[in-house]
Amino acid sequence: MRGVLQEEYGVPARSLRIRTNQQEQVPGWEPPDWMEIERLPKGQKIEDVLALGAIDACMLPEISPKHTHHIAGVRRLWPNFREVEKEYYRRTKIFPIRHVVVVKNSILERHPWVARSLVDAFTKAKEIGIKHVSDTRRSFLAWYGAELEEERELFGDDAWPYNIKDNRVVLETMARYAEMVGVTDRKLEIKEMFAESTLSGESAG
C-alpha cells in the first residue's frame, strides 16, 4: 500500500510515520535508518489510537463495519473504492497477491520435489474451491450470482492464477515496492523468489 501511495498518489513512502501494534514477523529484519517506525504500547490497537486522533490513517487487511461506521470522524480514504480498484486493475493489470508459501532451503535441498508438489496441490485446491463457490445457491447474498458475473467480466475465469507468466507484472511491482519501502535492501529478481522446480514453464506457487 505504501508503494501504491507513492506511485499513484505522490505520497513519498519516506514521509510516513509508521505506528504498528504488530511484532515483526521476519527474523533479523531491521528497519532502514530513514524509516520512522514505532510499536504501540502493549494492548493498544491501531483502531483504538485512530479513534483517539493519535494517528491520521490506518491500513488494515480487512475492513469491518466497526471500522467504517462506529468511529466518529473516520471513513474510508476512497468511499468509491470499488470504482477506484476497478480502474486501477484495468490500467495496471495488477490484482494484489494475498499470500505466499515459504519452504525452507534445507527441505528443498533434501527434497526438491516438495515445491512443485505444493504448487500442484494448492492449484488443485483452488480449482475445487472455485467450483464450490461458483454455485450461487451456496450464498445468502441476494446478488451473489451477479457479483460473480461482474468479476469474471473484469478478471476472466481465474482471478487467482498460480503461475509466474500471469503474475509477472504483479511480482515485479511488488519487488520494486519492497525495495522502495525498505522491506528489502535491493530489488529481488523473480528467479530469486521461487524454487527452481517451480520456474520451469514459468510456474510458481
N, C-alpha and C. Protein backbone atom coordinates (compact mmCIF):
# COMPACT_ATOMS: atom_id res chain seq x y z
N MET A 1 0.83 -1.21 0.00
CA MET A 1 0.00 0.00 0.00
C MET A 1 0.86 1.26 0.00
N ARG A 2 2.00 1.22 0.70
CA ARG A 2 2.87 2.38 0.70
C ARG A 2 3.45 2.62 -0.69
N GLY A 3 3.71 1.54 -1.42
CA GLY A 3 4.18 1.69 -2.79
C GLY A 3 3.12 2.32 -3.68
N VAL A 4 1.87 1.90 -3.50
CA VAL A 4 0.76 2.47 -4.27
C VAL A 4 0.58 3.95 -3.93
N LEU A 5 0.65 4.28 -2.66
CA LEU A 5 0.50 5.68 -2.26
C LEU A 5 1.57 6.56 -2.91
N GLN A 6 2.79 6.03 -3.01
CA GLN A 6 3.86 6.83 -3.61
C GLN A 6 3.70 6.94 -5.12
N GLU A 7 3.51 5.81 -5.80
CA GLU A 7 3.48 5.82 -7.26
C GLU A 7 2.18 6.38 -7.82
N GLU A 8 1.08 6.10 -7.15
CA GLU A 8 -0.22 6.51 -7.70
C GLU A 8 -0.68 7.88 -7.20
N TYR A 9 -0.26 8.25 -5.98
CA TYR A 9 -0.82 9.46 -5.38
C TYR A 9 0.22 10.46 -4.90
N GLY A 10 1.50 10.19 -5.18
CA GLY A 10 2.53 11.15 -4.86
C GLY A 10 2.82 11.33 -3.38
N VAL A 11 2.53 10.31 -2.56
CA VAL A 11 2.84 10.37 -1.13
C VAL A 11 4.12 9.58 -0.89
N PRO A 12 5.26 10.24 -0.72
CA PRO A 12 6.54 9.53 -0.57
C PRO A 12 6.51 8.56 0.61
N ALA A 13 6.95 7.33 0.38
CA ALA A 13 6.97 6.33 1.45
C ALA A 13 7.82 6.81 2.62
N ARG A 14 8.85 7.57 2.33
CA ARG A 14 9.75 8.02 3.39
C ARG A 14 9.15 9.15 4.23
N SER A 15 8.03 9.70 3.78
CA SER A 15 7.40 10.77 4.55
C SER A 15 6.45 10.26 5.62
N LEU A 16 6.17 8.96 5.59
CA LEU A 16 5.18 8.39 6.51
C LEU A 16 5.82 8.06 7.86
N ARG A 17 5.10 8.39 8.91
CA ARG A 17 5.49 7.99 10.27
C ARG A 17 4.64 6.79 10.64
N ILE A 18 5.27 5.64 10.79
CA ILE A 18 4.56 4.38 10.93
C ILE A 18 4.39 4.00 12.39
N ARG A 19 3.16 3.64 12.75
CA ARG A 19 2.85 3.11 14.08
C ARG A 19 2.19 1.75 13.89
N THR A 20 2.59 0.79 14.66
CA THR A 20 2.04 -0.56 14.50
C THR A 20 1.90 -1.24 15.84
N ASN A 21 0.91 -2.13 15.92
CA ASN A 21 0.76 -2.93 17.13
C ASN A 21 1.18 -4.38 16.88
N GLN A 22 1.75 -4.64 15.68
CA GLN A 22 2.19 -5.99 15.34
C GLN A 22 3.69 -6.13 15.57
N GLN A 23 4.11 -7.31 16.00
CA GLN A 23 5.52 -7.60 16.13
C GLN A 23 6.08 -8.03 14.78
N GLU A 24 7.35 -7.76 14.55
CA GLU A 24 7.97 -8.11 13.28
C GLU A 24 7.94 -9.62 13.07
N GLN A 25 7.56 -10.04 11.87
CA GLN A 25 7.41 -11.46 11.58
C GLN A 25 8.56 -12.03 10.76
N VAL A 26 9.51 -11.18 10.38
CA VAL A 26 10.66 -11.64 9.60
C VAL A 26 11.90 -11.58 10.49
N PRO A 27 12.38 -12.73 10.97
CA PRO A 27 13.54 -12.73 11.86
C PRO A 27 14.74 -12.03 11.24
N GLY A 28 15.36 -11.16 11.99
CA GLY A 28 16.57 -10.50 11.52
C GLY A 28 16.34 -9.21 10.76
N TRP A 29 15.10 -8.93 10.38
CA TRP A 29 14.86 -7.69 9.63
C TRP A 29 14.91 -6.50 10.56
N GLU A 30 15.61 -5.47 10.10
CA GLU A 30 15.67 -4.22 10.83
C GLU A 30 15.24 -3.09 9.91
N PRO A 31 14.45 -2.14 10.39
CA PRO A 31 14.02 -1.04 9.53
C PRO A 31 15.21 -0.21 9.09
N PRO A 32 15.18 0.31 7.86
CA PRO A 32 16.27 1.17 7.41
C PRO A 32 16.35 2.45 8.24
N ASP A 33 17.49 3.11 8.19
CA ASP A 33 17.71 4.29 9.03
C ASP A 33 16.68 5.39 8.80
N TRP A 34 16.19 5.50 7.56
CA TRP A 34 15.28 6.60 7.25
C TRP A 34 13.85 6.34 7.73
N MET A 35 13.53 5.11 8.10
CA MET A 35 12.14 4.77 8.44
C MET A 35 11.81 5.14 9.88
N GLU A 36 10.77 5.91 10.06
CA GLU A 36 10.29 6.24 11.40
C GLU A 36 9.18 5.27 11.76
N ILE A 37 9.50 4.29 12.59
CA ILE A 37 8.54 3.26 12.95
C ILE A 37 8.54 3.08 14.46
N GLU A 38 7.37 2.93 15.01
CA GLU A 38 7.23 2.83 16.47
C GLU A 38 6.16 1.81 16.82
N ARG A 39 6.45 0.95 17.78
CA ARG A 39 5.48 -0.02 18.25
C ARG A 39 4.57 0.64 19.28
N LEU A 40 3.29 0.40 19.15
CA LEU A 40 2.35 0.92 20.14
C LEU A 40 2.52 0.17 21.46
N PRO A 41 2.17 0.79 22.55
CA PRO A 41 2.24 0.10 23.84
C PRO A 41 1.40 -1.18 23.81
N LYS A 42 1.85 -2.17 24.53
CA LYS A 42 1.16 -3.45 24.55
C LYS A 42 -0.29 -3.27 24.96
N GLY A 43 -1.18 -3.90 24.20
CA GLY A 43 -2.61 -3.80 24.50
C GLY A 43 -3.34 -2.78 23.65
N GLN A 44 -2.61 -1.83 23.07
CA GLN A 44 -3.24 -0.83 22.21
C GLN A 44 -3.33 -1.37 20.78
N LYS A 45 -4.43 -1.06 20.13
CA LYS A 45 -4.63 -1.44 18.75
C LYS A 45 -4.70 -0.20 17.88
N ILE A 46 -4.36 -0.40 16.61
CA ILE A 46 -4.37 0.73 15.67
C ILE A 46 -5.75 1.39 15.64
N GLU A 47 -6.81 0.57 15.66
CA GLU A 47 -8.16 1.14 15.61
C GLU A 47 -8.44 2.05 16.80
N ASP A 48 -7.86 1.69 17.96
CA ASP A 48 -8.08 2.48 19.17
C ASP A 48 -7.42 3.86 19.08
N VAL A 49 -6.17 3.88 18.65
CA VAL A 49 -5.47 5.17 18.57
C VAL A 49 -6.00 6.02 17.42
N LEU A 50 -6.57 5.35 16.39
CA LEU A 50 -7.20 6.10 15.31
C LEU A 50 -8.41 6.86 15.85
N ALA A 51 -9.21 6.20 16.66
CA ALA A 51 -10.39 6.84 17.23
C ALA A 51 -10.02 8.00 18.13
N LEU A 52 -8.86 7.92 18.75
CA LEU A 52 -8.40 8.99 19.65
C LEU A 52 -7.75 10.15 18.90
N GLY A 53 -7.55 9.96 17.60
CA GLY A 53 -6.91 11.02 16.82
C GLY A 53 -5.40 11.02 16.93
N ALA A 54 -4.81 9.95 17.48
CA ALA A 54 -3.37 9.89 17.66
C ALA A 54 -2.64 9.58 16.35
N ILE A 55 -3.36 8.98 15.38
CA ILE A 55 -2.80 8.75 14.06
C ILE A 55 -3.81 9.24 13.02
N ASP A 56 -3.33 9.47 11.81
CA ASP A 56 -4.19 10.04 10.77
C ASP A 56 -4.94 8.99 9.96
N ALA A 57 -4.36 7.81 9.83
CA ALA A 57 -4.97 6.79 8.99
C ALA A 57 -4.41 5.43 9.38
N CYS A 58 -5.11 4.38 8.99
CA CYS A 58 -4.59 3.04 9.23
C CYS A 58 -4.84 2.16 8.01
N MET A 59 -3.96 1.19 7.83
CA MET A 59 -4.08 0.22 6.75
C MET A 59 -4.37 -1.12 7.38
N LEU A 60 -5.50 -1.71 7.01
CA LEU A 60 -5.93 -2.97 7.61
C LEU A 60 -6.14 -4.02 6.52
N PRO A 61 -5.86 -5.29 6.82
CA PRO A 61 -6.08 -6.34 5.82
C PRO A 61 -7.55 -6.59 5.56
N GLU A 62 -8.40 -6.27 6.52
CA GLU A 62 -9.83 -6.46 6.36
C GLU A 62 -10.57 -5.26 6.95
N ILE A 63 -11.68 -4.91 6.35
CA ILE A 63 -12.49 -3.80 6.85
C ILE A 63 -13.82 -4.35 7.36
N SER A 64 -14.12 -4.05 8.60
CA SER A 64 -15.39 -4.48 9.18
C SER A 64 -16.24 -3.25 9.47
N PRO A 65 -17.54 -3.42 9.68
CA PRO A 65 -18.40 -2.26 9.98
C PRO A 65 -17.91 -1.41 11.13
N LYS A 66 -17.25 -2.00 12.11
CA LYS A 66 -16.79 -1.21 13.25
C LYS A 66 -15.74 -0.19 12.84
N HIS A 67 -15.04 -0.47 11.71
CA HIS A 67 -14.01 0.47 11.25
C HIS A 67 -14.62 1.61 10.44
N THR A 68 -15.73 1.39 9.81
CA THR A 68 -16.28 2.38 8.89
C THR A 68 -17.53 3.09 9.40
N HIS A 69 -18.18 2.53 10.40
CA HIS A 69 -19.46 3.11 10.82
C HIS A 69 -19.52 3.53 12.29
N HIS A 70 -18.59 3.04 13.09
CA HIS A 70 -18.73 3.24 14.52
C HIS A 70 -17.64 4.10 15.15
N ILE A 71 -16.81 4.72 14.34
CA ILE A 71 -15.79 5.61 14.85
C ILE A 71 -16.06 7.01 14.32
N ALA A 72 -16.40 7.92 15.20
CA ALA A 72 -16.74 9.28 14.78
C ALA A 72 -15.58 9.93 14.03
N GLY A 73 -15.90 10.52 12.89
CA GLY A 73 -14.88 11.23 12.13
C GLY A 73 -13.98 10.36 11.29
N VAL A 74 -14.28 9.05 11.21
CA VAL A 74 -13.45 8.12 10.45
C VAL A 74 -14.24 7.56 9.27
N ARG A 75 -13.63 7.52 8.12
CA ARG A 75 -14.26 6.96 6.93
C ARG A 75 -13.19 6.34 6.05
N ARG A 76 -13.62 5.64 5.02
CA ARG A 76 -12.69 5.10 4.04
C ARG A 76 -11.98 6.25 3.34
N LEU A 77 -10.72 6.05 2.99
CA LEU A 77 -9.99 7.08 2.26
C LEU A 77 -10.59 7.27 0.87
N TRP A 78 -11.05 6.16 0.26
CA TRP A 78 -11.73 6.22 -1.02
C TRP A 78 -13.14 5.65 -0.84
N PRO A 79 -14.14 6.48 -0.60
CA PRO A 79 -15.52 5.97 -0.43
C PRO A 79 -15.98 5.16 -1.64
N ASN A 80 -15.56 5.55 -2.84
CA ASN A 80 -15.93 4.82 -4.06
C ASN A 80 -14.85 3.80 -4.39
N PHE A 81 -14.44 3.04 -3.41
CA PHE A 81 -13.28 2.15 -3.55
C PHE A 81 -13.44 1.13 -4.67
N ARG A 82 -14.65 0.68 -4.92
CA ARG A 82 -14.82 -0.34 -5.96
C ARG A 82 -14.48 0.23 -7.34
N GLU A 83 -14.94 1.44 -7.62
CA GLU A 83 -14.63 2.07 -8.90
C GLU A 83 -13.14 2.34 -9.01
N VAL A 84 -12.53 2.79 -7.90
CA VAL A 84 -11.10 3.08 -7.89
C VAL A 84 -10.30 1.81 -8.15
N GLU A 85 -10.68 0.72 -7.51
CA GLU A 85 -9.96 -0.54 -7.66
C GLU A 85 -10.13 -1.11 -9.07
N LYS A 86 -11.32 -1.00 -9.63
CA LYS A 86 -11.54 -1.50 -10.99
C LYS A 86 -10.70 -0.72 -11.99
N GLU A 87 -10.68 0.60 -11.83
CA GLU A 87 -9.88 1.43 -12.74
C GLU A 87 -8.41 1.10 -12.62
N TYR A 88 -7.95 0.88 -11.39
CA TYR A 88 -6.55 0.53 -11.15
C TYR A 88 -6.20 -0.78 -11.84
N TYR A 89 -7.08 -1.78 -11.72
CA TYR A 89 -6.80 -3.06 -12.35
C TYR A 89 -6.81 -2.94 -13.87
N ARG A 90 -7.79 -2.25 -14.42
CA ARG A 90 -7.85 -2.11 -15.88
C ARG A 90 -6.59 -1.43 -16.42
N ARG A 91 -6.07 -0.49 -15.67
CA ARG A 91 -4.91 0.28 -16.12
C ARG A 91 -3.60 -0.45 -15.90
N THR A 92 -3.48 -1.16 -14.78
CA THR A 92 -2.20 -1.78 -14.43
C THR A 92 -2.16 -3.29 -14.60
N LYS A 93 -3.35 -3.93 -14.63
CA LYS A 93 -3.46 -5.39 -14.64
C LYS A 93 -2.88 -6.01 -13.37
N ILE A 94 -2.86 -5.24 -12.30
CA ILE A 94 -2.37 -5.73 -11.02
C ILE A 94 -3.55 -6.12 -10.13
N PHE A 95 -3.59 -7.41 -9.76
CA PHE A 95 -4.51 -7.91 -8.75
C PHE A 95 -3.60 -8.31 -7.59
N PRO A 96 -3.53 -7.51 -6.54
CA PRO A 96 -2.54 -7.74 -5.48
C PRO A 96 -2.56 -9.16 -4.94
N ILE A 97 -1.37 -9.72 -4.74
CA ILE A 97 -1.22 -11.08 -4.21
C ILE A 97 -1.56 -11.09 -2.73
N ARG A 98 -2.30 -12.08 -2.30
CA ARG A 98 -2.74 -12.15 -0.91
C ARG A 98 -1.71 -12.81 0.00
N HIS A 99 -1.20 -13.97 -0.42
CA HIS A 99 -0.29 -14.72 0.44
C HIS A 99 0.78 -15.40 -0.41
N VAL A 100 1.85 -15.80 0.24
CA VAL A 100 2.87 -16.62 -0.41
C VAL A 100 3.13 -17.83 0.47
N VAL A 101 3.68 -18.87 -0.13
CA VAL A 101 4.04 -20.08 0.60
C VAL A 101 5.56 -20.16 0.64
N VAL A 102 6.11 -20.34 1.83
CA VAL A 102 7.56 -20.36 2.02
C VAL A 102 8.00 -21.76 2.44
N VAL A 103 9.05 -22.25 1.80
CA VAL A 103 9.63 -23.54 2.13
C VAL A 103 11.10 -23.32 2.48
N LYS A 104 11.56 -23.92 3.56
CA LYS A 104 12.95 -23.78 3.97
C LYS A 104 13.90 -24.37 2.92
N ASN A 105 15.01 -23.70 2.69
CA ASN A 105 16.01 -24.20 1.75
C ASN A 105 16.50 -25.58 2.15
N SER A 106 16.61 -25.82 3.45
CA SER A 106 17.11 -27.11 3.92
C SER A 106 16.19 -28.25 3.47
N ILE A 107 14.90 -27.98 3.40
CA ILE A 107 13.95 -29.00 2.94
C ILE A 107 14.09 -29.20 1.44
N LEU A 108 14.20 -28.10 0.69
CA LEU A 108 14.31 -28.20 -0.77
C LEU A 108 15.61 -28.87 -1.19
N GLU A 109 16.67 -28.68 -0.41
CA GLU A 109 17.94 -29.33 -0.74
C GLU A 109 17.82 -30.84 -0.61
N ARG A 110 17.06 -31.31 0.36
CA ARG A 110 16.88 -32.75 0.55
C ARG A 110 15.79 -33.31 -0.34
N HIS A 111 14.71 -32.51 -0.53
CA HIS A 111 13.55 -33.00 -1.28
C HIS A 111 13.10 -31.92 -2.28
N PRO A 112 13.81 -31.75 -3.38
CA PRO A 112 13.48 -30.67 -4.33
C PRO A 112 12.09 -30.77 -4.94
N TRP A 113 11.47 -31.95 -4.87
CA TRP A 113 10.13 -32.14 -5.43
C TRP A 113 9.04 -31.46 -4.61
N VAL A 114 9.35 -31.07 -3.37
CA VAL A 114 8.34 -30.53 -2.47
C VAL A 114 7.68 -29.28 -3.04
N ALA A 115 8.49 -28.35 -3.58
CA ALA A 115 7.94 -27.08 -4.07
C ALA A 115 6.94 -27.31 -5.19
N ARG A 116 7.32 -28.12 -6.17
CA ARG A 116 6.42 -28.39 -7.30
C ARG A 116 5.15 -29.08 -6.84
N SER A 117 5.30 -29.99 -5.89
CA SER A 117 4.13 -30.71 -5.37
C SER A 117 3.18 -29.77 -4.64
N LEU A 118 3.75 -28.81 -3.91
CA LEU A 118 2.91 -27.83 -3.22
C LEU A 118 2.13 -26.97 -4.21
N VAL A 119 2.80 -26.55 -5.29
CA VAL A 119 2.11 -25.75 -6.31
C VAL A 119 0.94 -26.55 -6.88
N ASP A 120 1.19 -27.81 -7.21
CA ASP A 120 0.14 -28.65 -7.79
C ASP A 120 -1.01 -28.84 -6.80
N ALA A 121 -0.67 -29.06 -5.53
CA ALA A 121 -1.70 -29.29 -4.51
C ALA A 121 -2.56 -28.04 -4.30
N PHE A 122 -1.89 -26.88 -4.18
CA PHE A 122 -2.66 -25.65 -3.98
C PHE A 122 -3.49 -25.30 -5.21
N THR A 123 -2.96 -25.58 -6.39
CA THR A 123 -3.72 -25.32 -7.62
C THR A 123 -4.98 -26.17 -7.65
N LYS A 124 -4.85 -27.45 -7.31
CA LYS A 124 -6.00 -28.34 -7.28
C LYS A 124 -7.01 -27.87 -6.23
N ALA A 125 -6.51 -27.48 -5.07
CA ALA A 125 -7.40 -27.00 -4.02
C ALA A 125 -8.15 -25.74 -4.46
N LYS A 126 -7.45 -24.86 -5.15
CA LYS A 126 -8.09 -23.64 -5.64
C LYS A 126 -9.20 -23.98 -6.62
N GLU A 127 -8.93 -24.90 -7.53
CA GLU A 127 -9.93 -25.29 -8.52
C GLU A 127 -11.17 -25.86 -7.84
N ILE A 128 -10.96 -26.68 -6.81
CA ILE A 128 -12.09 -27.24 -6.07
C ILE A 128 -12.86 -26.13 -5.37
N GLY A 129 -12.12 -25.19 -4.77
CA GLY A 129 -12.77 -24.09 -4.06
C GLY A 129 -13.59 -23.20 -4.98
N ILE A 130 -13.02 -22.87 -6.15
CA ILE A 130 -13.74 -22.01 -7.10
C ILE A 130 -15.00 -22.71 -7.60
N LYS A 131 -14.89 -24.00 -7.87
CA LYS A 131 -16.08 -24.75 -8.30
C LYS A 131 -17.15 -24.72 -7.23
N HIS A 132 -16.72 -24.84 -5.97
CA HIS A 132 -17.67 -24.85 -4.85
C HIS A 132 -18.40 -23.51 -4.74
N VAL A 133 -17.65 -22.41 -4.73
CA VAL A 133 -18.28 -21.11 -4.51
C VAL A 133 -18.98 -20.58 -5.77
N SER A 134 -18.73 -21.21 -6.92
CA SER A 134 -19.41 -20.77 -8.14
C SER A 134 -20.88 -21.18 -8.16
N ASP A 135 -21.25 -22.07 -7.27
CA ASP A 135 -22.66 -22.46 -7.13
C ASP A 135 -23.37 -21.37 -6.33
N THR A 136 -24.17 -20.57 -7.00
CA THR A 136 -24.79 -19.41 -6.36
C THR A 136 -25.75 -19.80 -5.23
N ARG A 137 -26.15 -21.06 -5.16
CA ARG A 137 -27.04 -21.49 -4.09
C ARG A 137 -26.31 -21.60 -2.75
N ARG A 138 -25.00 -21.49 -2.78
CA ARG A 138 -24.23 -21.62 -1.55
C ARG A 138 -24.10 -20.31 -0.79
N SER A 139 -24.63 -19.23 -1.33
CA SER A 139 -24.52 -17.93 -0.67
C SER A 139 -25.89 -17.39 -0.30
N PHE A 140 -25.95 -16.64 0.79
CA PHE A 140 -27.19 -16.00 1.19
C PHE A 140 -27.30 -14.59 0.61
N LEU A 141 -26.27 -14.12 -0.12
CA LEU A 141 -26.29 -12.79 -0.69
C LEU A 141 -27.26 -12.73 -1.88
N ALA A 142 -28.07 -11.71 -1.92
CA ALA A 142 -29.11 -11.62 -2.95
C ALA A 142 -28.55 -11.54 -4.36
N TRP A 143 -27.45 -10.80 -4.54
CA TRP A 143 -26.89 -10.60 -5.87
C TRP A 143 -25.55 -11.29 -6.05
N TYR A 144 -25.39 -12.39 -5.36
CA TYR A 144 -24.12 -13.12 -5.42
C TYR A 144 -23.79 -13.54 -6.85
N GLY A 145 -24.77 -14.08 -7.56
CA GLY A 145 -24.54 -14.51 -8.94
C GLY A 145 -24.14 -13.36 -9.84
N ALA A 146 -24.78 -12.22 -9.65
CA ALA A 146 -24.46 -11.04 -10.46
C ALA A 146 -23.04 -10.56 -10.15
N GLU A 147 -22.64 -10.65 -8.88
CA GLU A 147 -21.28 -10.25 -8.50
C GLU A 147 -20.26 -11.15 -9.17
N LEU A 148 -20.52 -12.45 -9.19
CA LEU A 148 -19.61 -13.38 -9.85
C LEU A 148 -19.48 -13.06 -11.33
N GLU A 149 -20.60 -12.76 -11.98
CA GLU A 149 -20.58 -12.42 -13.40
C GLU A 149 -19.75 -11.16 -13.64
N GLU A 150 -19.95 -10.16 -12.80
CA GLU A 150 -19.23 -8.90 -12.97
C GLU A 150 -17.73 -9.10 -12.80
N GLU A 151 -17.34 -9.89 -11.81
CA GLU A 151 -15.91 -10.11 -11.58
C GLU A 151 -15.29 -10.91 -12.72
N ARG A 152 -16.01 -11.87 -13.25
CA ARG A 152 -15.47 -12.66 -14.36
C ARG A 152 -15.30 -11.80 -15.61
N GLU A 153 -16.19 -10.85 -15.80
CA GLU A 153 -16.05 -9.95 -16.94
C GLU A 153 -14.78 -9.12 -16.82
N LEU A 154 -14.43 -8.77 -15.59
CA LEU A 154 -13.25 -7.93 -15.37
C LEU A 154 -11.97 -8.77 -15.31
N PHE A 155 -11.97 -9.85 -14.53
CA PHE A 155 -10.75 -10.61 -14.27
C PHE A 155 -10.58 -11.86 -15.13
N GLY A 156 -11.65 -12.28 -15.80
CA GLY A 156 -11.59 -13.54 -16.51
C GLY A 156 -12.02 -14.68 -15.61
N ASP A 157 -11.86 -15.90 -16.09
CA ASP A 157 -12.34 -17.06 -15.35
C ASP A 157 -11.51 -17.36 -14.11
N ASP A 158 -10.25 -16.92 -14.08
CA ASP A 158 -9.39 -17.22 -12.93
C ASP A 158 -8.68 -15.95 -12.49
N ALA A 159 -9.20 -15.35 -11.42
CA ALA A 159 -8.58 -14.13 -10.90
C ALA A 159 -7.36 -14.44 -10.05
N TRP A 160 -7.11 -15.71 -9.76
CA TRP A 160 -6.01 -16.11 -8.86
C TRP A 160 -5.07 -17.09 -9.56
N PRO A 161 -4.43 -16.71 -10.64
CA PRO A 161 -3.54 -17.65 -11.34
C PRO A 161 -2.31 -17.97 -10.51
N TYR A 162 -1.95 -19.26 -10.45
CA TYR A 162 -0.79 -19.70 -9.67
C TYR A 162 0.38 -19.98 -10.62
N ASN A 163 0.81 -18.95 -11.35
CA ASN A 163 1.96 -19.10 -12.22
C ASN A 163 2.64 -17.75 -12.42
N ILE A 164 3.89 -17.78 -12.82
CA ILE A 164 4.66 -16.55 -12.98
C ILE A 164 4.20 -15.76 -14.19
N LYS A 165 3.89 -16.43 -15.27
CA LYS A 165 3.51 -15.73 -16.50
C LYS A 165 2.37 -14.74 -16.26
N ASP A 166 1.32 -15.18 -15.60
CA ASP A 166 0.16 -14.33 -15.37
C ASP A 166 0.35 -13.37 -14.20
N ASN A 167 1.39 -13.58 -13.40
CA ASN A 167 1.65 -12.73 -12.24
C ASN A 167 2.92 -11.89 -12.38
N ARG A 168 3.54 -11.92 -13.54
CA ARG A 168 4.84 -11.25 -13.69
C ARG A 168 4.77 -9.76 -13.34
N VAL A 169 3.76 -9.07 -13.86
CA VAL A 169 3.64 -7.64 -13.57
C VAL A 169 3.47 -7.40 -12.07
N VAL A 170 2.64 -8.23 -11.44
CA VAL A 170 2.40 -8.09 -10.01
C VAL A 170 3.69 -8.35 -9.23
N LEU A 171 4.39 -9.42 -9.56
CA LEU A 171 5.60 -9.79 -8.85
C LEU A 171 6.69 -8.73 -9.00
N GLU A 172 6.87 -8.23 -10.21
CA GLU A 172 7.89 -7.22 -10.43
C GLU A 172 7.54 -5.91 -9.73
N THR A 173 6.26 -5.59 -9.70
CA THR A 173 5.83 -4.39 -8.98
C THR A 173 6.05 -4.54 -7.48
N MET A 174 5.68 -5.70 -6.94
CA MET A 174 5.87 -5.94 -5.51
C MET A 174 7.35 -5.91 -5.14
N ALA A 175 8.21 -6.45 -6.02
CA ALA A 175 9.65 -6.43 -5.76
C ALA A 175 10.17 -5.00 -5.75
N ARG A 176 9.66 -4.19 -6.65
CA ARG A 176 10.06 -2.77 -6.68
C ARG A 176 9.59 -2.03 -5.44
N TYR A 177 8.35 -2.29 -5.04
CA TYR A 177 7.81 -1.65 -3.84
C TYR A 177 8.55 -2.10 -2.59
N ALA A 178 8.93 -3.39 -2.52
CA ALA A 178 9.62 -3.90 -1.35
C ALA A 178 10.93 -3.15 -1.13
N GLU A 179 11.64 -2.88 -2.21
CA GLU A 179 12.87 -2.10 -2.08
C GLU A 179 12.55 -0.65 -1.72
N MET A 180 11.51 -0.09 -2.33
CA MET A 180 11.13 1.30 -2.13
C MET A 180 10.82 1.59 -0.66
N VAL A 181 10.13 0.66 0.00
CA VAL A 181 9.67 0.93 1.37
C VAL A 181 10.57 0.29 2.43
N GLY A 182 11.69 -0.31 2.01
CA GLY A 182 12.65 -0.80 2.98
C GLY A 182 12.45 -2.22 3.45
N VAL A 183 11.56 -2.98 2.81
CA VAL A 183 11.38 -4.38 3.18
C VAL A 183 12.61 -5.19 2.74
N THR A 184 13.15 -4.87 1.56
CA THR A 184 14.39 -5.48 1.08
C THR A 184 15.39 -4.38 0.79
N ASP A 185 16.67 -4.73 0.80
CA ASP A 185 17.70 -3.72 0.57
C ASP A 185 18.05 -3.57 -0.91
N ARG A 186 17.41 -4.37 -1.75
CA ARG A 186 17.56 -4.25 -3.21
C ARG A 186 16.35 -4.90 -3.86
N LYS A 187 16.19 -4.65 -5.16
CA LYS A 187 15.06 -5.26 -5.86
C LYS A 187 15.39 -6.71 -6.19
N LEU A 188 14.59 -7.62 -5.69
CA LEU A 188 14.80 -9.03 -5.96
C LEU A 188 14.32 -9.40 -7.35
N GLU A 189 15.02 -10.32 -7.98
CA GLU A 189 14.59 -10.85 -9.27
C GLU A 189 13.62 -12.01 -9.03
N ILE A 190 12.74 -12.23 -9.98
CA ILE A 190 11.74 -13.29 -9.83
C ILE A 190 12.39 -14.64 -9.58
N LYS A 191 13.49 -14.93 -10.29
CA LYS A 191 14.13 -16.24 -10.14
C LYS A 191 14.69 -16.43 -8.74
N GLU A 192 14.90 -15.33 -7.99
CA GLU A 192 15.38 -15.45 -6.62
C GLU A 192 14.26 -15.77 -5.63
N MET A 193 13.03 -15.51 -6.04
CA MET A 193 11.91 -15.64 -5.12
C MET A 193 11.32 -17.04 -5.07
N PHE A 194 11.56 -17.84 -6.12
CA PHE A 194 10.87 -19.12 -6.22
C PHE A 194 11.84 -20.27 -6.41
N ALA A 195 11.43 -21.42 -5.94
CA ALA A 195 12.24 -22.61 -6.08
C ALA A 195 12.41 -22.94 -7.57
N GLU A 196 13.57 -23.47 -7.92
CA GLU A 196 13.89 -23.73 -9.32
C GLU A 196 12.85 -24.63 -9.98
N SER A 197 12.35 -25.60 -9.26
CA SER A 197 11.39 -26.54 -9.85
C SER A 197 10.08 -25.87 -10.23
N THR A 198 9.79 -24.72 -9.64
CA THR A 198 8.54 -24.01 -9.97
C THR A 198 8.75 -23.00 -11.09
N LEU A 199 10.01 -22.79 -11.50
CA LEU A 199 10.28 -21.81 -12.55
C LEU A 199 10.11 -22.40 -13.94
N SER A 200 10.22 -23.71 -14.08
CA SER A 200 10.09 -24.34 -15.39
C SER A 200 8.68 -24.11 -15.90
N GLY A 201 8.57 -23.62 -17.11
CA GLY A 201 7.27 -23.32 -17.66
C GLY A 201 6.65 -22.09 -17.02
N GLU A 202 7.48 -21.30 -16.35
CA GLU A 202 7.04 -20.08 -15.69
C GLU A 202 5.89 -20.33 -14.72
N SER A 203 6.03 -21.34 -13.89
CA SER A 203 5.02 -21.61 -12.87
C SER A 203 5.57 -21.29 -11.50
N ALA A 204 4.70 -20.80 -10.63
CA ALA A 204 5.13 -20.51 -9.27
C ALA A 204 3.94 -20.62 -8.35
N GLY A 205 4.17 -20.95 -7.09
CA GLY A 205 3.09 -21.06 -6.12
C GLY A 205 2.94 -19.81 -5.33
